[in-house]
Amino acid sequence: MKLVIAIVHSEDAGTLVDALLDKEYRATRFNSSGGFLKQGNATILVGVEDDGVDAVLEIISANCHSRKQFVNPMPPIMEPGEFYMPYPVEVQVGGATVFVMPVERFERL
């Protein structure tokens, strides 16, 4: 048995959980944040038998897409009287970061 931990963009989390449930994989979603932009993410936990890991990874890949987004960078620390004009920077967001971990014991109570 394996535990699949997928950290995905919050925009993709709902469709991912729905797709997992449609294929009868049980999933737990909780909101998380972090990363470069400190934006909202969702962490999805899926317990799956070893032979189902590839199918779960395919579902994640099909439902979590990267996209480009413009963000305003944080201004640097400046001396009084200096002027800073922030320009939007294009960054890639979304996709998924996935960890697959072995499960020593699983019980449904």
PDB file of N, CA and C in Angstrom:
ATOM      1  N   MET A   1       0.845  -1.174   0.000  1.00  0.00           N
ATOM      2  CA  MET A   1       0.000   0.000   0.000  1.00  0.00           C
ATOM      3  C   MET A   1       0.885   1.229   0.000  1.00  0.00           C
ATOM      4  N   LYS A   2       0.399   2.294  -0.669  1.00  0.00           N
ATOM      5  CA  LYS A   2       1.129   3.557  -0.764  1.00  0.00           C
ATOM      6  C   LYS A   2       0.228   4.717  -0.349  1.00  0.00           C
ATOM      7  N   LEU A   3       0.870   5.780   0.123  1.00  0.00           N
ATOM      8  CA  LEU A   3       0.192   7.038   0.390  1.00  0.00           C
ATOM      9  C   LEU A   3       0.687   8.030  -0.646  1.00  0.00           C
ATOM     10  N   VAL A   4      -0.235   8.539  -1.457  1.00  0.00           N
ATOM     11  CA  VAL A   4       0.088   9.548  -2.461  1.00  0.00           C
ATOM     12  C   VAL A   4      -0.288  10.903  -1.874  1.00  0.00           C
ATOM     13  N   ILE A   5       0.691  11.790  -1.801  1.00  0.00           N
ATOM     14  CA  ILE A   5       0.470  13.154  -1.314  1.00  0.00           C
ATOM     15  C   ILE A   5       0.686  14.076  -2.497  1.00  0.00           C
ATOM     16  N   ALA A   6      -0.366  14.782  -2.900  1.00  0.00           N
ATOM     17  CA  ALA A   6      -0.280  15.695  -4.036  1.00  0.00           C
ATOM     18  C   ALA A   6      -0.551  17.114  -3.549  1.00  0.00           C
ATOM     19  N   ILE A   7       0.383  18.006  -3.793  1.00  0.00           N
ATOM     20  CA  ILE A   7       0.198  19.420  -3.473  1.00  0.00           C
ATOM     21  C   ILE A   7      -0.121  20.112  -4.789  1.00  0.00           C
ATOM     22  N   VAL A   8      -1.331  20.664  -4.871  1.00  0.00           N
ATOM     23  CA  VAL A   8      -1.823  21.211  -6.131  1.00  0.00           C
ATOM     24  C   VAL A   8      -2.325  22.630  -5.929  1.00  0.00           C
ATOM     25  N   HIS A   9      -2.467  23.353  -7.023  1.00  0.00           N
ATOM     26  CA  HIS A   9      -3.022  24.707  -6.981  1.00  0.00           C
ATOM     27  C   HIS A   9      -4.480  24.617  -6.552  1.00  0.00           C
ATOM     28  N   SER A  10      -4.923  25.568  -5.756  1.00  0.00           N
ATOM     29  CA  SER A  10      -6.290  25.511  -5.223  1.00  0.00           C
ATOM     30  C   SER A  10      -7.349  25.495  -6.325  1.00  0.00           C
ATOM     31  N   GLU A  11      -7.051  26.088  -7.486  1.00  0.00           N
ATOM     32  CA  GLU A  11      -8.010  26.075  -8.598  1.00  0.00           C
ATOM     33  C   GLU A  11      -8.224  24.672  -9.166  1.00  0.00           C
ATOM     34  N   ASP A  12      -7.230  23.798  -9.035  1.00  0.00           N
ATOM     35  CA  ASP A  12      -7.317  22.445  -9.584  1.00  0.00           C
ATOM     36  C   ASP A  12      -7.827  21.415  -8.585  1.00  0.00           C
ATOM     37  N   ALA A  13      -7.858  21.769  -7.314  1.00  0.00           N
ATOM     38  CA  ALA A  13      -8.137  20.788  -6.266  1.00  0.00           C
ATOM     39  C   ALA A  13      -9.531  20.187  -6.367  1.00  0.00           C
ATOM     40  N   GLY A  14     -10.546  20.994  -6.620  1.00  0.00           N
ATOM     41  CA  GLY A  14     -11.913  20.484  -6.683  1.00  0.00           C
ATOM     42  C   GLY A  14     -12.112  19.473  -7.797  1.00  0.00           C
ATOM     43  N   THR A  15     -11.607  19.795  -8.989  1.00  0.00           N
ATOM     44  CA  THR A  15     -11.763  18.862 -10.111  1.00  0.00           C
ATOM     45  C   THR A  15     -10.939  17.597  -9.897  1.00  0.00           C
ATOM     46  N   LEU A  16      -9.780  17.747  -9.245  1.00  0.00           N
ATOM     47  CA  LEU A  16      -8.961  16.563  -8.967  1.00  0.00           C
ATOM     48  C   LEU A  16      -9.677  15.623  -8.010  1.00  0.00           C
ATOM     49  N   VAL A  17     -10.207  16.142  -6.928  1.00  0.00           N
ATOM     50  CA  VAL A  17     -10.911  15.291  -5.955  1.00  0.00           C
ATOM     51  C   VAL A  17     -12.118  14.634  -6.612  1.00  0.00           C
ATOM     52  N   ASP A  18     -12.864  15.378  -7.414  1.00  0.00           N
ATOM     53  CA  ASP A  18     -14.015  14.795  -8.122  1.00  0.00           C
ATOM     54  C   ASP A  18     -13.580  13.664  -9.045  1.00  0.00           C
ATOM     55  N   ALA A  19     -12.475  13.864  -9.774  1.00  0.00           N
ATOM     56  CA  ALA A  19     -11.989  12.824 -10.689  1.00  0.00           C
ATOM     57  C   ALA A  19     -11.524  11.587  -9.923  1.00  0.00           C
ATOM     58  N   LEU A  20     -10.889  11.785  -8.784  1.00  0.00           N
ATOM     59  CA  LEU A  20     -10.469  10.639  -7.973  1.00  0.00           C
ATOM     60  C   LEU A  20     -11.675   9.871  -7.439  1.00  0.00           C
ATOM     61  N   LEU A  21     -12.673  10.599  -6.965  1.00  0.00           N
ATOM     62  CA  LEU A  21     -13.880   9.940  -6.444  1.00  0.00           C
ATOM     63  C   LEU A  21     -14.648   9.215  -7.542  1.00  0.00           C
ATOM     64  N   ASP A  22     -14.656   9.782  -8.761  1.00  0.00           N
ATOM     65  CA  ASP A  22     -15.316   9.111  -9.891  1.00  0.00           C
ATOM     66  C   ASP A  22     -14.695   7.752 -10.180  1.00  0.00           C
ATOM     67  N   LYS A  23     -13.380   7.632  -9.949  1.00  0.00           N
ATOM     68  CA  LYS A  23     -12.679   6.355 -10.163  1.00  0.00           C
ATOM     69  C   LYS A  23     -12.616   5.527  -8.883  1.00  0.00           C
ATOM     70  N   GLU A  24     -13.386   5.936  -7.868  1.00  0.00           N
ATOM     71  CA  GLU A  24     -13.528   5.227  -6.603  1.00  0.00           C
ATOM     72  C   GLU A  24     -12.251   5.183  -5.764  1.00  0.00           C
ATOM     73  N   TYR A  25     -11.446   6.236  -5.876  1.00  0.00           N
ATOM     74  CA  TYR A  25     -10.311   6.410  -4.968  1.00  0.00           C
ATOM     75  C   TYR A  25     -10.759   7.371  -3.880  1.00  0.00           C
ATOM     76  N   ARG A  26     -10.540   7.003  -2.641  1.00  0.00           N
ATOM     77  CA  ARG A  26     -10.885   7.893  -1.530  1.00  0.00           C
ATOM     78  C   ARG A  26      -9.778   8.924  -1.383  1.00  0.00           C
ATOM     79  N   ALA A  27     -10.174  10.172  -1.212  1.00  0.00           N
ATOM     80  CA  ALA A  27      -9.193  11.250  -1.109  1.00  0.00           C
ATOM     81  C   ALA A  27      -9.574  12.189   0.026  1.00  0.00           C
ATOM     82  N   THR A  28      -8.573  12.721   0.673  1.00  0.00           N
ATOM     83  CA  THR A  28      -8.761  13.730   1.707  1.00  0.00           C
ATOM     84  C   THR A  28      -8.062  14.994   1.246  1.00  0.00           C
ATOM     85  N   ARG A  29      -8.788  16.096   1.300  1.00  0.00           N
ATOM     86  CA  ARG A  29      -8.245  17.385   0.869  1.00  0.00           C
ATOM     87  C   ARG A  29      -8.162  18.320   2.070  1.00  0.00           C
ATOM     88  N   PHE A  30      -7.037  19.017   2.197  1.00  0.00           N
ATOM     89  CA  PHE A  30      -6.972  20.108   3.162  1.00  0.00           C
ATOM     90  C   PHE A  30      -6.204  21.260   2.537  1.00  0.00           C
ATOM     91  N   ASN A  31      -6.585  22.466   2.931  1.00  0.00           N
ATOM     92  CA  ASN A  31      -5.981  23.663   2.375  1.00  0.00           C
ATOM     93  C   ASN A  31      -4.600  23.876   2.979  1.00  0.00           C
ATOM     94  N   SER A  32      -3.687  24.327   2.142  1.00  0.00           N
ATOM     95  CA  SER A  32      -2.325  24.596   2.579  1.00  0.00           C
ATOM     96  C   SER A  32      -1.826  25.826   1.823  1.00  0.00           C
ATOM     97  N   SER A  33      -0.696  26.328   2.232  1.00  0.00           N
ATOM     98  CA  SER A  33      -0.115  27.466   1.521  1.00  0.00           C
ATOM     99  C   SER A  33       1.387  27.375   1.616  1.00  0.00           C
ATOM    100  N   GLY A  34       2.043  28.114   0.752  1.00  0.00           N
ATOM    101  CA  GLY A  34       3.498  28.116   0.766  1.00  0.00           C
ATOM    102  C   GLY A  34       4.038  28.264  -0.624  1.00  0.00           C
ATOM    103  N   GLY A  35       5.288  27.999  -0.776  1.00  0.00           N
ATOM    104  CA  GLY A  35       5.919  28.112  -2.065  1.00  0.00           C
ATOM    105  C   GLY A  35       6.367  29.534  -2.356  1.00  0.00           C
ATOM    106  N   PHE A  36       6.824  29.721  -3.562  1.00  0.00           N
ATOM    107  CA  PHE A  36       7.399  30.986  -3.996  1.00  0.00           C
ATOM    108  C   PHE A  36       6.427  32.146  -3.858  1.00  0.00           C
ATOM    109  N   LEU A  37       5.172  31.942  -4.254  1.00  0.00           N
ATOM    110  CA  LEU A  37       4.199  33.034  -4.239  1.00  0.00           C
ATOM    111  C   LEU A  37       3.383  33.085  -2.959  1.00  0.00           C
ATOM    112  N   LYS A  38       3.535  32.103  -2.096  1.00  0.00           N
ATOM    113  CA  LYS A  38       2.776  32.025  -0.846  1.00  0.00           C
ATOM    114  C   LYS A  38       1.267  32.086  -1.100  1.00  0.00           C
ATOM    115  N   GLN A  39       0.834  31.450  -2.185  1.00  0.00           N
ATOM    116  CA  GLN A  39      -0.579  31.425  -2.525  1.00  0.00           C
ATOM    117  C   GLN A  39      -1.214  30.150  -1.991  1.00  0.00           C
ATOM    118  N   GLY A  40      -2.552  30.126  -2.029  1.00  0.00           N
ATOM    119  CA  GLY A  40      -3.274  28.974  -1.546  1.00  0.00           C
ATOM    120  C   GLY A  40      -3.067  27.738  -2.402  1.00  0.00           C
ATOM    121  N   ASN A  41      -2.831  26.646  -1.745  1.00  0.00           N
ATOM    122  CA  ASN A  41      -2.713  25.340  -2.382  1.00  0.00           C
ATOM    123  C   ASN A  41      -3.694  24.407  -1.697  1.00  0.00           C
ATOM    124  N   ALA A  42      -3.766  23.212  -2.196  1.00  0.00           N
ATOM    125  CA  ALA A  42      -4.495  22.156  -1.521  1.00  0.00           C
ATOM    126  C   ALA A  42      -3.583  20.935  -1.486  1.00  0.00           C
ATOM    127  N   THR A  43      -3.613  20.243  -0.386  1.00  0.00           N
ATOM    128  CA  THR A  43      -2.871  18.998  -0.262  1.00  0.00           C
ATOM    129  C   THR A  43      -3.887  17.867  -0.266  1.00  0.00           C
ATOM    130  N   ILE A  44      -3.701  16.929  -1.188  1.00  0.00           N
ATOM    131  CA  ILE A  44      -4.621  15.809  -1.374  1.00  0.00           C
ATOM    132  C   ILE A  44      -3.902  14.541  -0.925  1.00  0.00           C
ATOM    133  N   LEU A  45      -4.539  13.788  -0.037  1.00  0.00           N
ATOM    134  CA  LEU A  45      -3.997  12.512   0.425  1.00  0.00           C
ATOM    135  C   LEU A  45      -4.832  11.384  -0.150  1.00  0.00           C
ATOM    136  N   VAL A  46      -4.158  10.395  -0.746  1.00  0.00           N
ATOM    137  CA  VAL A  46      -4.850   9.239  -1.318  1.00  0.00           C
ATOM    138  C   VAL A  46      -4.109   7.985  -0.886  1.00  0.00           C
ATOM    139  N   GLY A  47      -4.811   7.090  -0.211  1.00  0.00           N
ATOM    140  CA  GLY A  47      -4.269   5.779   0.106  1.00  0.00           C
ATOM    141  C   GLY A  47      -4.658   4.832  -1.013  1.00  0.00           C
ATOM    142  N   VAL A  48      -3.675   4.132  -1.571  1.00  0.00           N
ATOM    143  CA  VAL A  48      -3.940   3.294  -2.743  1.00  0.00           C
ATOM    144  C   VAL A  48      -3.045   2.058  -2.699  1.00  0.00           C
ATOM    145  N   GLU A  49      -3.573   0.972  -3.237  1.00  0.00           N
ATOM    146  CA  GLU A  49      -2.773  -0.248  -3.371  1.00  0.00           C
ATOM    147  C   GLU A  49      -1.631   0.016  -4.347  1.00  0.00           C
ATOM    148  N   ASP A  50      -0.557  -0.743  -4.221  1.00  0.00           N
ATOM    149  CA  ASP A  50       0.636  -0.520  -5.045  1.00  0.00           C
ATOM    150  C   ASP A  50       0.329  -0.492  -6.541  1.00  0.00           C
ATOM    151  N   ASP A  51      -0.544  -1.373  -7.000  1.00  0.00           N
ATOM    152  CA  ASP A  51      -0.828  -1.437  -8.437  1.00  0.00           C
ATOM    153  C   ASP A  51      -1.729  -0.304  -8.920  1.00  0.00           C
ATOM    154  N   GLY A  52      -2.247   0.520  -8.029  1.00  0.00           N
ATOM    155  CA  GLY A  52      -3.098   1.639  -8.429  1.00  0.00           C
ATOM    156  C   GLY A  52      -2.384   2.983  -8.452  1.00  0.00           C
ATOM    157  N   VAL A  53      -1.107   3.005  -8.081  1.00  0.00           N
ATOM    158  CA  VAL A  53      -0.378   4.275  -8.006  1.00  0.00           C
ATOM    159  C   VAL A  53      -0.306   4.954  -9.363  1.00  0.00           C
ATOM    160  N   ASP A  54       0.008   4.203 -10.408  1.00  0.00           N
ATOM    161  CA  ASP A  54       0.128   4.810 -11.745  1.00  0.00           C
ATOM    162  C   ASP A  54      -1.197   5.414 -12.200  1.00  0.00           C
ATOM    163  N   ALA A  55      -2.304   4.760 -11.911  1.00  0.00           N
ATOM    164  CA  ALA A  55      -3.613   5.295 -12.286  1.00  0.00           C
ATOM    165  C   ALA A  55      -3.900   6.597 -11.552  1.00  0.00           C
ATOM    166  N   VAL A  56      -3.557   6.667 -10.264  1.00  0.00           N
ATOM    167  CA  VAL A  56      -3.761   7.894  -9.493  1.00  0.00           C
ATOM    168  C   VAL A  56      -2.882   9.014 -10.044  1.00  0.00           C
ATOM    169  N   LEU A  57      -1.626   8.696 -10.389  1.00  0.00           N
ATOM    170  CA  LEU A  57      -0.738   9.703 -10.959  1.00  0.00           C
ATOM    171  C   LEU A  57      -1.261  10.220 -12.301  1.00  0.00           C
ATOM    172  N   GLU A  58      -1.860   9.359 -13.094  1.00  0.00           N
ATOM    173  CA  GLU A  58      -2.448   9.791 -14.367  1.00  0.00           C
ATOM    174  C   GLU A  58      -3.624  10.740 -14.132  1.00  0.00           C
ATOM    175  N   ILE A  59      -4.443  10.443 -13.138  1.00  0.00           N
ATOM    176  CA  ILE A  59      -5.577  11.326 -12.813  1.00  0.00           C
ATOM    177  C   ILE A  59      -5.062  12.687 -12.353  1.00  0.00           C
ATOM    178  N   ILE A  60      -4.029  12.690 -11.528  1.00  0.00           N
ATOM    179  CA  ILE A  60      -3.450  13.954 -11.067  1.00  0.00           C
ATOM    180  C   ILE A  60      -2.910  14.738 -12.258  1.00  0.00           C
ATOM    181  N   SER A  61      -2.178  14.077 -13.119  1.00  0.00           N
ATOM    182  CA  SER A  61      -1.600  14.738 -14.287  1.00  0.00           C
ATOM    183  C   SER A  61      -2.668  15.308 -15.214  1.00  0.00           C
ATOM    184  N   ALA A  62      -3.771  14.598 -15.371  1.00  0.00           N
ATOM    185  CA  ALA A  62      -4.840  15.046 -16.268  1.00  0.00           C
ATOM    186  C   ALA A  62      -5.633  16.223 -15.701  1.00  0.00           C
ATOM    187  N   ASN A  63      -5.596  16.419 -14.390  1.00  0.00           N
ATOM    188  CA  ASN A  63      -6.451  17.438 -13.772  1.00  0.00           C
ATOM    189  C   ASN A  63      -5.704  18.617 -13.157  1.00  0.00           C
ATOM    190  N   CYS A  64      -4.391  18.574 -13.134  1.00  0.00           N
ATOM    191  CA  CYS A  64      -3.612  19.660 -12.532  1.00  0.00           C
ATOM    192  C   CYS A  64      -2.686  20.257 -13.581  1.00  0.00           C
ATOM    193  N   HIS A  65      -3.056  21.416 -14.061  1.00  0.00           N
ATOM    194  CA  HIS A  65      -2.348  22.034 -15.178  1.00  0.00           C
ATOM    195  C   HIS A  65      -1.559  23.246 -14.716  1.00  0.00           C
ATOM    196  N   SER A  66      -0.390  23.414 -15.304  1.00  0.00           N
ATOM    197  CA  SER A  66       0.369  24.627 -15.010  1.00  0.00           C
ATOM    198  C   SER A  66      -0.142  25.748 -15.908  1.00  0.00           C
ATOM    199  N   ARG A  67      -0.014  26.956 -15.423  1.00  0.00           N
ATOM    200  CA  ARG A  67      -0.478  28.132 -16.148  1.00  0.00           C
ATOM    201  C   ARG A  67       0.449  29.281 -15.821  1.00  0.00           C
ATOM    202  N   LYS A  68       0.414  30.309 -16.648  1.00  0.00           N
ATOM    203  CA  LYS A  68       1.235  31.490 -16.405  1.00  0.00           C
ATOM    204  C   LYS A  68       0.390  32.561 -15.744  1.00  0.00           C
ATOM    205  N   GLN A  69       1.023  33.316 -14.858  1.00  0.00           N
ATOM    206  CA  GLN A  69       0.315  34.336 -14.099  1.00  0.00           C
ATOM    207  C   GLN A  69       1.273  35.508 -13.882  1.00  0.00           C
ATOM    208  N   PHE A  70       0.741  36.714 -13.881  1.00  0.00           N
ATOM    209  CA  PHE A  70       1.555  37.891 -13.602  1.00  0.00           C
ATOM    210  C   PHE A  70       1.432  38.246 -12.126  1.00  0.00           C
ATOM    211  N   VAL A  71       2.565  38.529 -11.486  1.00  0.00           N
ATOM    212  CA  VAL A  71       2.577  38.939 -10.086  1.00  0.00           C
ATOM    213  C   VAL A  71       3.445  40.181  -9.958  1.00  0.00           C
ATOM    214  N   ASN A  72       3.145  40.976  -8.961  1.00  0.00           N
ATOM    215  CA  ASN A  72       3.971  42.140  -8.654  1.00  0.00           C
ATOM    216  C   ASN A  72       4.997  41.733  -7.610  1.00  0.00           C
ATOM    217  N   PRO A  73       6.285  41.915  -7.903  1.00  0.00           N
ATOM    218  CA  PRO A  73       7.306  41.531  -6.929  1.00  0.00           C
ATOM    219  C   PRO A  73       7.282  42.457  -5.722  1.00  0.00           C
ATOM    220  N   MET A  74       7.769  41.945  -4.618  1.00  0.00           N
ATOM    221  CA  MET A  74       7.877  42.749  -3.408  1.00  0.00           C
ATOM    222  C   MET A  74       8.963  43.803  -3.616  1.00  0.00           C
ATOM    223  N   PRO A  75       8.724  45.035  -3.155  1.00  0.00           N
ATOM    224  CA  PRO A  75       9.756  46.062  -3.331  1.00  0.00           C
ATOM    225  C   PRO A  75      10.967  45.773  -2.452  1.00  0.00           C
ATOM    226  N   PRO A  76      12.157  46.110  -2.943  1.00  0.00           N
ATOM    227  CA  PRO A  76      13.351  45.915  -2.110  1.00  0.00           C
ATOM    228  C   PRO A  76      13.381  46.939  -0.981  1.00  0.00           C
ATOM    229  N   ILE A  77      14.200  46.671   0.001  1.00  0.00           N
ATOM    230  CA  ILE A  77      14.383  47.640   1.085  1.00  0.00           C
ATOM    231  C   ILE A  77      15.158  48.817   0.503  1.00  0.00           C
ATOM    232  N   MET A  78      14.572  49.990   0.666  1.00  0.00           N
ATOM    233  CA  MET A  78      15.147  51.160   0.009  1.00  0.00           C
ATOM    234  C   MET A  78      15.425  52.253   1.038  1.00  0.00           C
ATOM    235  N   GLU A  79      16.298  53.142   0.654  1.00  0.00           N
ATOM    236  CA  GLU A  79      16.611  54.308   1.473  1.00  0.00           C
ATOM    237  C   GLU A  79      15.502  55.338   1.315  1.00  0.00           C
ATOM    238  N   PRO A  80      15.258  56.155   2.314  1.00  0.00           N
ATOM    239  CA  PRO A  80      14.251  57.212   2.189  1.00  0.00           C
ATOM    240  C   PRO A  80      14.555  58.109   0.985  1.00  0.00           C
ATOM    241  N   GLY A  81      13.528  58.411   0.221  1.00  0.00           N
ATOM    242  CA  GLY A  81      13.673  59.278  -0.935  1.00  0.00           C
ATOM    243  C   GLY A  81      13.891  58.529  -2.233  1.00  0.00           C
ATOM    244  N   GLU A  82      14.221  57.244  -2.166  1.00  0.00           N
ATOM    245  CA  GLU A  82      14.393  56.472  -3.397  1.00  0.00           C
ATOM    246  C   GLU A  82      13.028  56.067  -3.928  1.00  0.00           C
ATOM    247  N   PHE A  83      12.956  55.849  -5.233  1.00  0.00           N
ATOM    248  CA  PHE A  83      11.691  55.518  -5.879  1.00  0.00           C
ATOM    249  C   PHE A  83      11.818  54.146  -6.525  1.00  0.00           C
ATOM    250  N   TYR A  84      10.822  53.303  -6.299  1.00  0.00           N
ATOM    251  CA  TYR A  84      10.819  51.948  -6.881  1.00  0.00           C
ATOM    252  C   TYR A  84       9.529  51.756  -7.650  1.00  0.00           C
ATOM    253  N   MET A  85       9.640  51.403  -8.924  1.00  0.00           N
ATOM    254  CA  MET A  85       8.468  51.157  -9.756  1.00  0.00           C
ATOM    255  C   MET A  85       8.396  49.651 -10.034  1.00  0.00           C
ATOM    256  N   PRO A  86       7.462  48.959  -9.371  1.00  0.00           N
ATOM    257  CA  PRO A  86       7.375  47.510  -9.597  1.00  0.00           C
ATOM    258  C   PRO A  86       6.746  47.206 -10.958  1.00  0.00           C
ATOM    259  N   TYR A  87       7.320  46.258 -11.644  1.00  0.00           N
ATOM    260  CA  TYR A  87       6.770  45.788 -12.909  1.00  0.00           C
ATOM    261  C   TYR A  87       6.287  44.356 -12.713  1.00  0.00           C
ATOM    262  N   PRO A  88       5.123  44.029 -13.244  1.00  0.00           N
ATOM    263  CA  PRO A  88       4.643  42.651 -13.103  1.00  0.00           C
ATOM    264  C   PRO A  88       5.623  41.660 -13.730  1.00  0.00           C
ATOM    265  N   VAL A  89       5.758  40.530 -13.079  1.00  0.00           N
ATOM    266  CA  VAL A  89       6.634  39.467 -13.549  1.00  0.00           C
ATOM    267  C   VAL A  89       5.775  38.257 -13.872  1.00  0.00           C
ATOM    268  N   GLU A  90       6.033  37.639 -15.012  1.00  0.00           N
ATOM    269  CA  GLU A  90       5.278  36.447 -15.395  1.00  0.00           C
ATOM    270  C   GLU A  90       5.937  35.211 -14.786  1.00  0.00           C
ATOM    271  N   VAL A  91       5.143  34.421 -14.060  1.00  0.00           N
ATOM    272  CA  VAL A  91       5.638  33.195 -13.442  1.00  0.00           C
ATOM    273  C   VAL A  91       4.701  32.037 -13.789  1.00  0.00           C
ATOM    274  N   GLN A  92       5.214  30.850 -13.682  1.00  0.00           N
ATOM    275  CA  GLN A  92       4.404  29.657 -13.937  1.00  0.00           C
ATOM    276  C   GLN A  92       3.876  29.135 -12.609  1.00  0.00           C
ATOM    277  N   VAL A  93       2.570  28.905 -12.530  1.00  0.00           N
ATOM    278  CA  VAL A  93       1.941  28.370 -11.331  1.00  0.00           C
ATOM    279  C   VAL A  93       1.140  27.131 -11.705  1.00  0.00           C
ATOM    280  N   GLY A  94       0.729  26.404 -10.701  1.00  0.00           N
ATOM    281  CA  GLY A  94      -0.110  25.231 -10.941  1.00  0.00           C
ATOM    282  C   GLY A  94       0.709  23.970 -11.087  1.00  0.00           C
ATOM    283  N   GLY A  95       0.100  22.982 -11.716  1.00  0.00           N
ATOM    284  CA  GLY A  95       0.734  21.682 -11.790  1.00  0.00           C
ATOM    285  C   GLY A  95       0.558  20.957 -10.465  1.00  0.00           C
ATOM    286  N   ALA A  96       1.432  20.033 -10.190  1.00  0.00           N
ATOM    287  CA  ALA A  96       1.330  19.269  -8.946  1.00  0.00           C
ATOM    288  C   ALA A  96       2.724  18.842  -8.498  1.00  0.00           C
ATOM    289  N   THR A  97       2.902  18.820  -7.202  1.00  0.00           N
ATOM    290  CA  THR A  97       4.080  18.210  -6.593  1.00  0.00           C
ATOM    291  C   THR A  97       3.569  16.979  -5.866  1.00  0.00           C
ATOM    292  N   VAL A  98       4.107  15.817  -6.224  1.00  0.00           N
ATOM    293  CA  VAL A  98       3.550  14.556  -5.734  1.00  0.00           C
ATOM    294  C   VAL A  98       4.629  13.746  -5.026  1.00  0.00           C
ATOM    295  N   PHE A  99       4.262  13.214  -3.865  1.00  0.00           N
ATOM    296  CA  PHE A  99       5.110  12.304  -3.110  1.00  0.00           C
ATOM    297  C   PHE A  99       4.371  10.969  -3.006  1.00  0.00           C
ATOM    298  N   VAL A 100       5.090   9.875  -3.213  1.00  0.00           N
ATOM    299  CA  VAL A 100       4.518   8.539  -3.029  1.00  0.00           C
ATOM    300  C   VAL A 100       5.333   7.866  -1.938  1.00  0.00           C
ATOM    301  N   MET A 101       4.627   7.492  -0.857  1.00  0.00           N
ATOM    302  CA  MET A 101       5.310   6.945   0.309  1.00  0.00           C
ATOM    303  C   MET A 101       4.753   5.566   0.657  1.00  0.00           C
ATOM    304  N   PRO A 102       5.601   4.677   1.129  1.00  0.00           N
ATOM    305  CA  PRO A 102       5.099   3.368   1.550  1.00  0.00           C
ATOM    306  C   PRO A 102       4.292   3.491   2.845  1.00  0.00           C
ATOM    307  N   VAL A 103       3.288   2.656   2.962  1.00  0.00           N
ATOM    308  CA  VAL A 103       2.450   2.624   4.161  1.00  0.00           C
ATOM    309  C   VAL A 103       2.729   1.312   4.878  1.00  0.00           C
ATOM    310  N   GLU A 104       3.151   1.411   6.104  1.00  0.00           N
ATOM    311  CA  GLU A 104       3.455   0.205   6.866  1.00  0.00           C
ATOM    312  C   GLU A 104       2.188  -0.502   7.333  1.00  0.00           C
ATOM    313  N   ARG A 105       1.185   0.290   7.690  1.00  0.00           N
ATOM    314  CA  ARG A 105      -0.061  -0.297   8.203  1.00  0.00           C
ATOM    315  C   ARG A 105      -1.210   0.608   7.843  1.00  0.00           C
ATOM    316  N   PHE A 106      -2.334  -0.005   7.450  1.00  0.00           N
ATOM    317  CA  PHE A 106      -3.547   0.734   7.106  1.00  0.00           C
ATOM    318  C   PHE A 106      -4.740   0.048   7.739  1.00  0.00           C
ATOM    319  N   GLU A 107      -5.593   0.830   8.394  1.00  0.00           N
ATOM    320  CA  GLU A 107      -6.821   0.300   8.971  1.00  0.00           C
ATOM    321  C   GLU A 107      -7.942   1.285   8.726  1.00  0.00           C
ATOM    322  N   ARG A 108      -9.090   0.783   8.403  1.00  0.00           N
ATOM    323  CA  ARG A 108     -10.283   1.624   8.294  1.00  0.00           C
ATOM    324  C   ARG A 108     -11.177   1.265   9.466  1.00  0.00           C
ATOM    325  N   LEU A 109     -11.376   2.189  10.375  1.00  0.00           N
ATOM    326  CA  LEU A 109     -12.139   1.907  11.602  1.00  0.00           C
ATOM    327  C   LEU A 109     -13.488   2.574  11.561  1.00  0.00           C
TER     328      LEU A 109
END
